[in-house]
Amino acid sequence: LVEPEPGSMAALVLTSPYHLVTAERDAFQPGGSLLFTFVDQHDNT
């Protein structure tokens, strides 16, 4: 995650940052019901 530094100059514009990646279903073995946990670079869930 990247955030502007406090007090830095930033454009006043509405944004909604996102990132999409594709993965082959076969890469997840075994399949079934999987729990996806998203964590930041500081290991916060």
All heavy atoms as atom14 arrays in JSON, in Angstrom:
{
  "sequence": "LVEPEPGSMAALVLTSPYHLVTAERDAFQPGGSLLFTFVDQHDNT",
  "atom14_mask": [
    [1, 1, 1, 1, 1, 1, 1, 1, 0, 0, 0, 0, 0, 0],
    [1, 1, 1, 1, 1, 1, 1, 0, 0, 0, 0, 0, 0, 0],
    [1, 1, 1, 1, 1, 1, 1, 1, 1, 0, 0, 0, 0, 0],
    [1, 1, 1, 1, 1, 1, 1, 0, 0, 0, 0, 0, 0, 0],
    [1, 1, 1, 1, 1, 1, 1, 1, 1, 0, 0, 0, 0, 0],
    [1, 1, 1, 1, 1, 1, 1, 0, 0, 0, 0, 0, 0, 0],
    [1, 1, 1, 1, 0, 0, 0, 0, 0, 0, 0, 0, 0, 0],
    [1, 1, 1, 1, 1, 1, 0, 0, 0, 0, 0, 0, 0, 0],
    [1, 1, 1, 1, 1, 1, 1, 1, 0, 0, 0, 0, 0, 0],
    [1, 1, 1, 1, 1, 0, 0, 0, 0, 0, 0, 0, 0, 0],
    [1, 1, 1, 1, 1, 0, 0, 0, 0, 0, 0, 0, 0, 0],
    [1, 1, 1, 1, 1, 1, 1, 1, 0, 0, 0, 0, 0, 0],
    [1, 1, 1, 1, 1, 1, 1, 0, 0, 0, 0, 0, 0, 0],
    [1, 1, 1, 1, 1, 1, 1, 1, 0, 0, 0, 0, 0, 0],
    [1, 1, 1, 1, 1, 1, 1, 0, 0, 0, 0, 0, 0, 0],
    [1, 1, 1, 1, 1, 1, 0, 0, 0, 0, 0, 0, 0, 0],
    [1, 1, 1, 1, 1, 1, 1, 0, 0, 0, 0, 0, 0, 0],
    [1, 1, 1, 1, 1, 1, 1, 1, 1, 1, 1, 1, 0, 0],
    [1, 1, 1, 1, 1, 1, 1, 1, 1, 1, 0, 0, 0, 0],
    [1, 1, 1, 1, 1, 1, 1, 1, 0, 0, 0, 0, 0, 0],
    [1, 1, 1, 1, 1, 1, 1, 0, 0, 0, 0, 0, 0, 0],
    [1, 1, 1, 1, 1, 1, 1, 0, 0, 0, 0, 0, 0, 0],
    [1, 1, 1, 1, 1, 0, 0, 0, 0, 0, 0, 0, 0, 0],
    [1, 1, 1, 1, 1, 1, 1, 1, 1, 0, 0, 0, 0, 0],
    [1, 1, 1, 1, 1, 1, 1, 1, 1, 1, 1, 0, 0, 0],
    [1, 1, 1, 1, 1, 1, 1, 1, 0, 0, 0, 0, 0, 0],
    [1, 1, 1, 1, 1, 0, 0, 0, 0, 0, 0, 0, 0, 0],
    [1, 1, 1, 1, 1, 1, 1, 1, 1, 1, 1, 0, 0, 0],
    [1, 1, 1, 1, 1, 1, 1, 1, 1, 0, 0, 0, 0, 0],
    [1, 1, 1, 1, 1, 1, 1, 0, 0, 0, 0, 0, 0, 0],
    [1, 1, 1, 1, 0, 0, 0, 0, 0, 0, 0, 0, 0, 0],
    [1, 1, 1, 1, 0, 0, 0, 0, 0, 0, 0, 0, 0, 0],
    [1, 1, 1, 1, 1, 1, 0, 0, 0, 0, 0, 0, 0, 0],
    [1, 1, 1, 1, 1, 1, 1, 1, 0, 0, 0, 0, 0, 0],
    [1, 1, 1, 1, 1, 1, 1, 1, 0, 0, 0, 0, 0, 0],
    [1, 1, 1, 1, 1, 1, 1, 1, 1, 1, 1, 0, 0, 0],
    [1, 1, 1, 1, 1, 1, 1, 0, 0, 0, 0, 0, 0, 0],
    [1, 1, 1, 1, 1, 1, 1, 1, 1, 1, 1, 0, 0, 0],
    [1, 1, 1, 1, 1, 1, 1, 0, 0, 0, 0, 0, 0, 0],
    [1, 1, 1, 1, 1, 1, 1, 1, 0, 0, 0, 0, 0, 0],
    [1, 1, 1, 1, 1, 1, 1, 1, 1, 0, 0, 0, 0, 0],
    [1, 1, 1, 1, 1, 1, 1, 1, 1, 1, 0, 0, 0, 0],
    [1, 1, 1, 1, 1, 1, 1, 1, 0, 0, 0, 0, 0, 0],
    [1, 1, 1, 1, 1, 1, 1, 1, 0, 0, 0, 0, 0, 0],
    [1, 1, 1, 1, 1, 1, 1, 0, 0, 0, 0, 0, 0, 0]
  ],
  "atom14_positions": [
    [[0.85, -1.19, 0.0], [0.0, 0.0, 0.0], [0.88, 1.24, 0.0], [1.88, 1.29, 0.72], [-0.9, 0.02, 1.24], [-1.79, -1.2, 1.47], [-2.58, -1.03, 2.75], [-2.71, -1.42, 0.3], [0.0, 0.0, 0.0], [0.0, 0.0, 0.0], [0.0, 0.0, 0.0], [0.0, 0.0, 0.0], [0.0, 0.0, 0.0], [0.0, 0.0, 0.0]],
    [[0.51, 2.21, -0.8], [1.23, 3.48, -0.87], [0.26, 4.6, -0.53], [-0.86, 4.62, -1.04], [1.83, 3.7, -2.28], [2.5, 5.06, -2.37], [2.79, 2.59, -2.64], [0.0, 0.0, 0.0], [0.0, 0.0, 0.0], [0.0, 0.0, 0.0], [0.0, 0.0, 0.0], [0.0, 0.0, 0.0], [0.0, 0.0, 0.0], [0.0, 0.0, 0.0]],
    [[0.69, 5.49, 0.36], [-0.09, 6.67, 0.73], [0.79, 7.89, 0.59], [2.01, 7.8, 0.76], [-0.57, 6.57, 2.18], [-1.51, 5.42, 2.44], [-1.98, 5.39, 3.89], [-1.49, 6.19, 4.72], [-2.85, 4.55, 4.18], [0.0, 0.0, 0.0], [0.0, 0.0, 0.0], [0.0, 0.0, 0.0], [0.0, 0.0, 0.0], [0.0, 0.0, 0.0]],
    [[0.2, 9.04, 0.29], [1.02, 10.25, 0.21], [1.58, 10.61, 1.59], [0.95, 10.33, 2.62], [0.05, 11.32, -0.29], [-1.31, 10.79, -0.05], [-1.21, 9.3, 0.01], [0.0, 0.0, 0.0], [0.0, 0.0, 0.0], [0.0, 0.0, 0.0], [0.0, 0.0, 0.0], [0.0, 0.0, 0.0], [0.0, 0.0, 0.0], [0.0, 0.0, 0.0]],
    [[2.75, 11.17, 1.61], [3.36, 11.61, 2.87], [2.51, 12.73, 3.48], [1.99, 13.58, 2.75], [4.78, 12.14, 2.62], [5.77, 11.07, 2.2], [6.07, 10.09, 3.32], [6.1, 10.49, 4.49], [6.25, 8.9, 3.01], [0.0, 0.0, 0.0], [0.0, 0.0, 0.0], [0.0, 0.0, 0.0], [0.0, 0.0, 0.0], [0.0, 0.0, 0.0]],
    [[2.35, 12.74, 4.8], [1.6, 13.82, 5.44], [2.2, 15.18, 5.07], [3.41, 15.36, 5.1], [1.76, 13.54, 6.93], [2.07, 12.08, 7.02], [2.84, 11.76, 5.76], [0.0, 0.0, 0.0], [0.0, 0.0, 0.0], [0.0, 0.0, 0.0], [0.0, 0.0, 0.0], [0.0, 0.0, 0.0], [0.0, 0.0, 0.0], [0.0, 0.0, 0.0]],
    [[1.35, 16.1, 4.69], [1.79, 17.44, 4.33], [2.3, 17.58, 2.92], [2.67, 18.68, 2.5], [0.0, 0.0, 0.0], [0.0, 0.0, 0.0], [0.0, 0.0, 0.0], [0.0, 0.0, 0.0], [0.0, 0.0, 0.0], [0.0, 0.0, 0.0], [0.0, 0.0, 0.0], [0.0, 0.0, 0.0], [0.0, 0.0, 0.0], [0.0, 0.0, 0.0]],
    [[2.36, 16.48, 2.17], [2.87, 16.57, 0.79], [1.79, 17.13, -0.14], [0.61, 17.12, 0.17], [3.33, 15.19, 0.29], [2.22, 14.32, 0.19], [0.0, 0.0, 0.0], [0.0, 0.0, 0.0], [0.0, 0.0, 0.0], [0.0, 0.0, 0.0], [0.0, 0.0, 0.0], [0.0, 0.0, 0.0], [0.0, 0.0, 0.0], [0.0, 0.0, 0.0]],
    [[2.23, 17.62, -1.27], [1.32, 18.15, -2.28], [0.72, 16.96, -3.03], [1.44, 16.07, -3.48], [2.05, 19.06, -3.26], [2.65, 20.29, -2.62], [1.4, 21.44, -2.07], [0.83, 22.06, -3.61], [0.0, 0.0, 0.0], [0.0, 0.0, 0.0], [0.0, 0.0, 0.0], [0.0, 0.0, 0.0], [0.0, 0.0, 0.0], [0.0, 0.0, 0.0]],
    [[-0.6, 16.94, -3.15], [-1.28, 15.87, -3.89], [-2.45, 16.47, -4.63], [-3.1, 17.4, -4.15], [-1.76, 14.77, -2.93], [0.0, 0.0, 0.0], [0.0, 0.0, 0.0], [0.0, 0.0, 0.0], [0.0, 0.0, 0.0], [0.0, 0.0, 0.0], [0.0, 0.0, 0.0], [0.0, 0.0, 0.0], [0.0, 0.0, 0.0], [0.0, 0.0, 0.0]],
    [[-2.7, 15.94, -5.81], [-3.82, 16.43, -6.62], [-5.14, 16.15, -5.9], [-5.34, 15.07, -5.34], [-3.82, 15.74, -7.98], [0.0, 0.0, 0.0], [0.0, 0.0, 0.0], [0.0, 0.0, 0.0], [0.0, 0.0, 0.0], [0.0, 0.0, 0.0], [0.0, 0.0, 0.0], [0.0, 0.0, 0.0], [0.0, 0.0, 0.0], [0.0, 0.0, 0.0]],
    [[-6.03, 17.14, -5.9], [-7.36, 16.95, -5.32], [-8.25, 16.32, -6.38], [-8.86, 17.0, -7.2], [-7.93, 18.28, -4.85], [-7.19, 18.93, -3.69], [-7.75, 20.31, -3.39], [-7.29, 18.05, -2.46], [0.0, 0.0, 0.0], [0.0, 0.0, 0.0], [0.0, 0.0, 0.0], [0.0, 0.0, 0.0], [0.0, 0.0, 0.0], [0.0, 0.0, 0.0]],
    [[-8.28, 15.0, -6.35], [-9.03, 14.25, -7.35], [-9.53, 12.97, -6.69], [-8.84, 12.38, -5.86], [-8.15, 13.94, -8.59], [-6.93, 13.13, -8.22], [-8.93, 13.27, -9.69], [0.0, 0.0, 0.0], [0.0, 0.0, 0.0], [0.0, 0.0, 0.0], [0.0, 0.0, 0.0], [0.0, 0.0, 0.0], [0.0, 0.0, 0.0], [0.0, 0.0, 0.0]],
    [[-10.73, 12.56, -7.03], [-11.28, 11.33, -6.48], [-10.66, 10.14, -7.2], [-10.71, 10.05, -8.42], [-12.8, 11.3, -6.63], [-13.52, 10.13, -5.99], [-13.29, 10.11, -4.48], [-15.0, 10.19, -6.28], [0.0, 0.0, 0.0], [0.0, 0.0, 0.0], [0.0, 0.0, 0.0], [0.0, 0.0, 0.0], [0.0, 0.0, 0.0], [0.0, 0.0, 0.0]],
    [[-10.04, 9.24, -6.44], [-9.43, 8.04, -7.02], [-9.92, 6.82, -6.25], [-10.38, 6.91, -5.12], [-7.89, 8.1, -6.94], [-7.49, 8.14, -5.57], [-7.33, 9.29, -7.68], [0.0, 0.0, 0.0], [0.0, 0.0, 0.0], [0.0, 0.0, 0.0], [0.0, 0.0, 0.0], [0.0, 0.0, 0.0], [0.0, 0.0, 0.0], [0.0, 0.0, 0.0]],
    [[-9.82, 5.66, -6.89], [-10.14, 4.37, -6.26], [-9.11, 3.36, -6.73], [-9.37, 2.56, -7.64], [-11.55, 3.92, -6.64], [-12.51, 4.76, -6.07], [0.0, 0.0, 0.0], [0.0, 0.0, 0.0], [0.0, 0.0, 0.0], [0.0, 0.0, 0.0], [0.0, 0.0, 0.0], [0.0, 0.0, 0.0], [0.0, 0.0, 0.0], [0.0, 0.0, 0.0]],
    [[-7.92, 3.37, -6.15], [-6.85, 2.48, -6.6], [-7.22, 1.0, -6.46], [-7.88, 0.6, -5.49], [-5.68, 2.83, -5.68], [-5.99, 4.2, -5.17], [-7.48, 4.25, -5.08], [0.0, 0.0, 0.0], [0.0, 0.0, 0.0], [0.0, 0.0, 0.0], [0.0, 0.0, 0.0], [0.0, 0.0, 0.0], [0.0, 0.0, 0.0], [0.0, 0.0, 0.0]],
    [[-6.79, 0.22, -7.44], [-7.04, -1.22, -7.41], [-5.95, -1.93, -8.21], [-5.23, -1.32, -8.98], [-8.41, -1.57, -7.98], [-8.56, -1.28, -9.45], [-8.29, -2.26, -10.41], [-8.94, -0.03, -9.91], [-8.4, -2.0, -11.76], [-9.06, 0.25, -11.25], [-8.79, -0.74, -12.17], [-8.9, -0.47, -13.52], [0.0, 0.0, 0.0], [0.0, 0.0, 0.0]],
    [[-5.85, -3.25, -7.99], [-4.92, -4.09, -8.75], [-5.59, -5.44, -8.94], [-6.1, -6.03, -7.99], [-3.6, -4.24, -8.0], [-2.54, -4.93, -8.79], [-1.44, -5.51, -8.19], [-2.38, -5.14, -10.11], [-0.67, -6.03, -9.12], [-1.23, -5.84, -10.3], [0.0, 0.0, 0.0], [0.0, 0.0, 0.0], [0.0, 0.0, 0.0], [0.0, 0.0, 0.0]],
    [[-5.6, -5.92, -10.17], [-6.18, -7.21, -10.51], [-5.11, -8.12, -11.07], [-4.27, -7.67, -11.86], [-7.28, -7.06, -11.59], [-8.4, -6.06, -11.32], [-9.29, -5.94, -12.55], [-9.21, -6.48, -10.12], [0.0, 0.0, 0.0], [0.0, 0.0, 0.0], [0.0, 0.0, 0.0], [0.0, 0.0, 0.0], [0.0, 0.0, 0.0], [0.0, 0.0, 0.0]],
    [[-5.13, -9.38, -10.66], [-4.23, -10.39, -11.25], [-5.06, -11.63, -11.55], [-6.06, -11.9, -10.88], [-3.03, -10.75, -10.34], [-2.13, -9.54, -10.11], [-3.48, -11.33, -9.03], [0.0, 0.0, 0.0], [0.0, 0.0, 0.0], [0.0, 0.0, 0.0], [0.0, 0.0, 0.0], [0.0, 0.0, 0.0], [0.0, 0.0, 0.0], [0.0, 0.0, 0.0]],
    [[-4.65, -12.38, -12.55], [-5.31, -13.64, -12.85], [-4.43, -14.79, -12.39], [-3.21, -14.67, -12.32], [-5.6, -13.8, -14.36], [-4.37, -13.74, -15.08], [-6.55, -12.72, -14.85], [0.0, 0.0, 0.0], [0.0, 0.0, 0.0], [0.0, 0.0, 0.0], [0.0, 0.0, 0.0], [0.0, 0.0, 0.0], [0.0, 0.0, 0.0], [0.0, 0.0, 0.0]],
    [[-5.07, -15.9, -12.06], [-4.36, -17.1, -11.65], [-5.12, -18.3, -12.2], [-6.36, -18.27, -12.3], [-4.27, -17.19, -10.13], [0.0, 0.0, 0.0], [0.0, 0.0, 0.0], [0.0, 0.0, 0.0], [0.0, 0.0, 0.0], [0.0, 0.0, 0.0], [0.0, 0.0, 0.0], [0.0, 0.0, 0.0], [0.0, 0.0, 0.0], [0.0, 0.0, 0.0]],
    [[-4.38, -19.34, -12.55], [-5.01, -20.57, -13.01], [-5.66, -21.28, -11.82], [-5.05, -21.39, -10.76], [-3.98, -21.49, -13.67], [-3.37, -20.92, -14.94], [-4.4, -20.75, -16.04], [-5.26, -21.65, -16.22], [-4.35, -19.71, -16.73], [0.0, 0.0, 0.0], [0.0, 0.0, 0.0], [0.0, 0.0, 0.0], [0.0, 0.0, 0.0], [0.0, 0.0, 0.0]],
    [[-6.88, -21.75, -12.0], [-7.57, -22.47, -10.92], [-6.77, -23.69, -10.48], [-6.74, -24.03, -9.3], [-8.96, -22.9, -11.38], [-9.94, -21.75, -11.47], [-11.32, -22.23, -11.92], [-12.24, -21.12, -12.01], [-12.94, -20.63, -10.99], [-12.82, -21.19, -9.79], [-13.74, -19.61, -11.15], [0.0, 0.0, 0.0], [0.0, 0.0, 0.0], [0.0, 0.0, 0.0]],
    [[-6.11, -24.36, -11.43], [-5.32, -25.56, -11.11], [-4.12, -25.27, -10.21], [-3.54, -26.18, -9.64], [-4.83, -26.24, -12.4], [-5.97, -26.84, -13.19], [-7.08, -27.0, -12.64], [-5.77, -27.15, -14.38], [0.0, 0.0, 0.0], [0.0, 0.0, 0.0], [0.0, 0.0, 0.0], [0.0, 0.0, 0.0], [0.0, 0.0, 0.0], [0.0, 0.0, 0.0]],
    [[-3.73, -23.99, -10.11], [-2.6, -23.64, -9.25], [-2.95, -23.79, -7.77], [-2.06, -23.89, -6.93], [-2.15, -22.21, -9.53], [0.0, 0.0, 0.0], [0.0, 0.0, 0.0], [0.0, 0.0, 0.0], [0.0, 0.0, 0.0], [0.0, 0.0, 0.0], [0.0, 0.0, 0.0], [0.0, 0.0, 0.0], [0.0, 0.0, 0.0], [0.0, 0.0, 0.0]],
    [[-4.24, -23.83, -7.45], [-4.68, -23.96, -6.07], [-5.08, -25.41, -5.82], [-6.13, -25.86, -6.24], [-5.86, -23.02, -5.8], [-5.5, -21.57, -5.99], [-5.76, -20.92, -7.17], [-4.85, -20.87, -4.98], [-5.41, -19.6, -7.36], [-4.49, -19.55, -5.16], [-4.77, -18.91, -6.34], [0.0, 0.0, 0.0], [0.0, 0.0, 0.0], [0.0, 0.0, 0.0]],
    [[-4.16, -26.14, -5.15], [-4.37, -27.56, -4.87], [-4.18, -27.81, -3.39], [-3.15, -27.41, -2.84], [-3.4, -28.42, -5.69], [-3.62, -28.34, -7.17], [-4.96, -28.89, -7.61], [-5.51, -29.8, -6.99], [-5.51, -28.33, -8.66], [0.0, 0.0, 0.0], [0.0, 0.0, 0.0], [0.0, 0.0, 0.0], [0.0, 0.0, 0.0], [0.0, 0.0, 0.0]],
    [[-5.05, -28.43, -2.68], [-6.34, -28.83, -3.21], [-7.25, -27.62, -3.35], [-7.07, -26.61, -2.67], [-6.88, -29.79, -2.16], [-6.25, -29.34, -0.88], [-4.9, -28.8, -1.26], [0.0, 0.0, 0.0], [0.0, 0.0, 0.0], [0.0, 0.0, 0.0], [0.0, 0.0, 0.0], [0.0, 0.0, 0.0], [0.0, 0.0, 0.0], [0.0, 0.0, 0.0]],
    [[-8.23, -27.75, -4.2], [-9.22, -26.68, -4.39], [-10.25, -26.73, -3.29], [-9.96, -27.07, -2.16], [0.0, 0.0, 0.0], [0.0, 0.0, 0.0], [0.0, 0.0, 0.0], [0.0, 0.0, 0.0], [0.0, 0.0, 0.0], [0.0, 0.0, 0.0], [0.0, 0.0, 0.0], [0.0, 0.0, 0.0], [0.0, 0.0, 0.0], [0.0, 0.0, 0.0]],
    [[-11.48, -26.45, -3.66], [-12.55, -26.45, -2.67], [-12.73, -25.07, -2.06], [-12.5, -24.06, -2.71], [0.0, 0.0, 0.0], [0.0, 0.0, 0.0], [0.0, 0.0, 0.0], [0.0, 0.0, 0.0], [0.0, 0.0, 0.0], [0.0, 0.0, 0.0], [0.0, 0.0, 0.0], [0.0, 0.0, 0.0], [0.0, 0.0, 0.0], [0.0, 0.0, 0.0]],
    [[-13.11, -25.03, -0.8], [-13.32, -23.77, -0.1], [-11.99, -23.29, 0.48], [-11.42, -23.93, 1.37], [-14.36, -23.96, 1.01], [-14.61, -22.74, 1.66], [0.0, 0.0, 0.0], [0.0, 0.0, 0.0], [0.0, 0.0, 0.0], [0.0, 0.0, 0.0], [0.0, 0.0, 0.0], [0.0, 0.0, 0.0], [0.0, 0.0, 0.0], [0.0, 0.0, 0.0]],
    [[-11.51, -22.16, -0.02], [-10.22, -21.61, 0.42], [-10.44, -20.26, 1.08], [-11.31, -19.49, 0.67], [-9.28, -21.45, -0.76], [-8.95, -22.71, -1.56], [-8.04, -22.36, -2.74], [-8.3, -23.76, -0.68], [0.0, 0.0, 0.0], [0.0, 0.0, 0.0], [0.0, 0.0, 0.0], [0.0, 0.0, 0.0], [0.0, 0.0, 0.0], [0.0, 0.0, 0.0]],
    [[-9.65, -19.98, 2.11], [-9.7, -18.69, 2.78], [-8.58, -17.81, 2.26], [-7.4, -18.11, 2.47], [-9.57, -18.87, 4.3], [-9.64, -17.58, 5.11], [-11.01, -16.91, 4.98], [-9.32, -17.86, 6.58], [0.0, 0.0, 0.0], [0.0, 0.0, 0.0], [0.0, 0.0, 0.0], [0.0, 0.0, 0.0], [0.0, 0.0, 0.0], [0.0, 0.0, 0.0]],
    [[-8.94, -16.73, 1.56], [-7.97, -15.76, 1.06], [-7.8, -14.68, 2.12], [-8.77, -14.02, 2.51], [-8.46, -15.14, -0.24], [-8.27, -16.02, -1.45], [-9.05, -17.16, -1.62], [-7.32, -15.72, -2.4], [-8.88, -17.98, -2.73], [-7.14, -16.52, -3.51], [-7.92, -17.66, -3.67], [0.0, 0.0, 0.0], [0.0, 0.0, 0.0], [0.0, 0.0, 0.0]],
    [[-6.57, -14.5, 2.6], [-6.26, -13.47, 3.59], [-5.37, -12.43, 2.93], [-4.3, -12.74, 2.42], [-5.55, -14.08, 4.81], [-6.4, -15.09, 5.37], [-5.25, -13.03, 5.86], [0.0, 0.0, 0.0], [0.0, 0.0, 0.0], [0.0, 0.0, 0.0], [0.0, 0.0, 0.0], [0.0, 0.0, 0.0], [0.0, 0.0, 0.0], [0.0, 0.0, 0.0]],
    [[-5.83, -11.18, 2.95], [-5.1, -10.06, 2.35], [-4.36, -9.32, 3.46], [-4.97, -8.9, 4.44], [-6.08, -9.12, 1.65], [-6.74, -9.73, 0.45], [-7.8, -10.61, 0.58], [-6.3, -9.42, -0.83], [-8.41, -11.18, -0.53], [-6.9, -9.98, -1.95], [-7.96, -10.86, -1.79], [0.0, 0.0, 0.0], [0.0, 0.0, 0.0], [0.0, 0.0, 0.0]],
    [[-3.03, -9.2, 3.32], [-2.2, -8.54, 4.33], [-1.36, -7.45, 3.69], [-0.97, -7.55, 2.52], [-1.28, -9.55, 5.07], [-2.11, -10.58, 5.83], [-0.33, -10.22, 4.12], [0.0, 0.0, 0.0], [0.0, 0.0, 0.0], [0.0, 0.0, 0.0], [0.0, 0.0, 0.0], [0.0, 0.0, 0.0], [0.0, 0.0, 0.0], [0.0, 0.0, 0.0]],
    [[-1.09, -6.38, 4.46], [-0.26, -5.3, 3.93], [1.22, -5.61, 4.17], [1.57, -6.65, 4.73], [-0.68, -3.94, 4.49], [-0.42, -3.79, 5.98], [0.29, -4.63, 6.58], [-0.92, -2.81, 6.56], [0.0, 0.0, 0.0], [0.0, 0.0, 0.0], [0.0, 0.0, 0.0], [0.0, 0.0, 0.0], [0.0, 0.0, 0.0], [0.0, 0.0, 0.0]],
    [[2.07, -4.68, 3.76], [3.53, -4.89, 3.86], [4.01, -4.92, 5.3], [5.16, -5.29, 5.57], [4.29, -3.85, 3.03], [4.13, -2.42, 3.5], [3.05, -1.67, 2.75], [2.02, -2.23, 2.4], [3.29, -0.39, 2.49], [0.0, 0.0, 0.0], [0.0, 0.0, 0.0], [0.0, 0.0, 0.0], [0.0, 0.0, 0.0], [0.0, 0.0, 0.0]],
    [[3.15, -4.58, 6.26], [3.51, -4.64, 7.68], [2.88, -5.87, 8.36], [2.86, -5.95, 9.58], [3.07, -3.37, 8.39], [3.61, -2.13, 7.75], [4.95, -1.79, 7.73], [2.99, -1.15, 7.04], [5.12, -0.67, 7.07], [3.95, -0.26, 6.64], [0.0, 0.0, 0.0], [0.0, 0.0, 0.0], [0.0, 0.0, 0.0], [0.0, 0.0, 0.0]],
    [[2.35, -6.77, 7.56], [1.72, -8.02, 8.01], [0.42, -7.8, 8.77], [0.01, -8.63, 9.57], [2.71, -8.86, 8.83], [2.38, -10.34, 8.77], [1.87, -10.8, 7.74], [2.6, -11.04, 9.78], [0.0, 0.0, 0.0], [0.0, 0.0, 0.0], [0.0, 0.0, 0.0], [0.0, 0.0, 0.0], [0.0, 0.0, 0.0], [0.0, 0.0, 0.0]],
    [[-0.24, -6.66, 8.52], [-1.56, -6.4, 9.09], [-2.62, -7.05, 8.21], [-2.61, -6.85, 6.99], [-1.83, -4.9, 9.19], [-0.88, -4.2, 10.11], [-0.64, -4.66, 11.21], [-0.31, -3.1, 9.65], [0.0, 0.0, 0.0], [0.0, 0.0, 0.0], [0.0, 0.0, 0.0], [0.0, 0.0, 0.0], [0.0, 0.0, 0.0], [0.0, 0.0, 0.0]],
    [[-3.53, -7.82, 8.8], [-4.61, -8.41, 8.03], [-5.63, -7.33, 7.69], [-6.12, -6.63, 8.57], [-5.29, -9.54, 8.83], [-4.32, -10.56, 9.1], [-6.46, -10.14, 8.07], [0.0, 0.0, 0.0], [0.0, 0.0, 0.0], [0.0, 0.0, 0.0], [0.0, 0.0, 0.0], [0.0, 0.0, 0.0], [0.0, 0.0, 0.0], [0.0, 0.0, 0.0]]
  ]
}
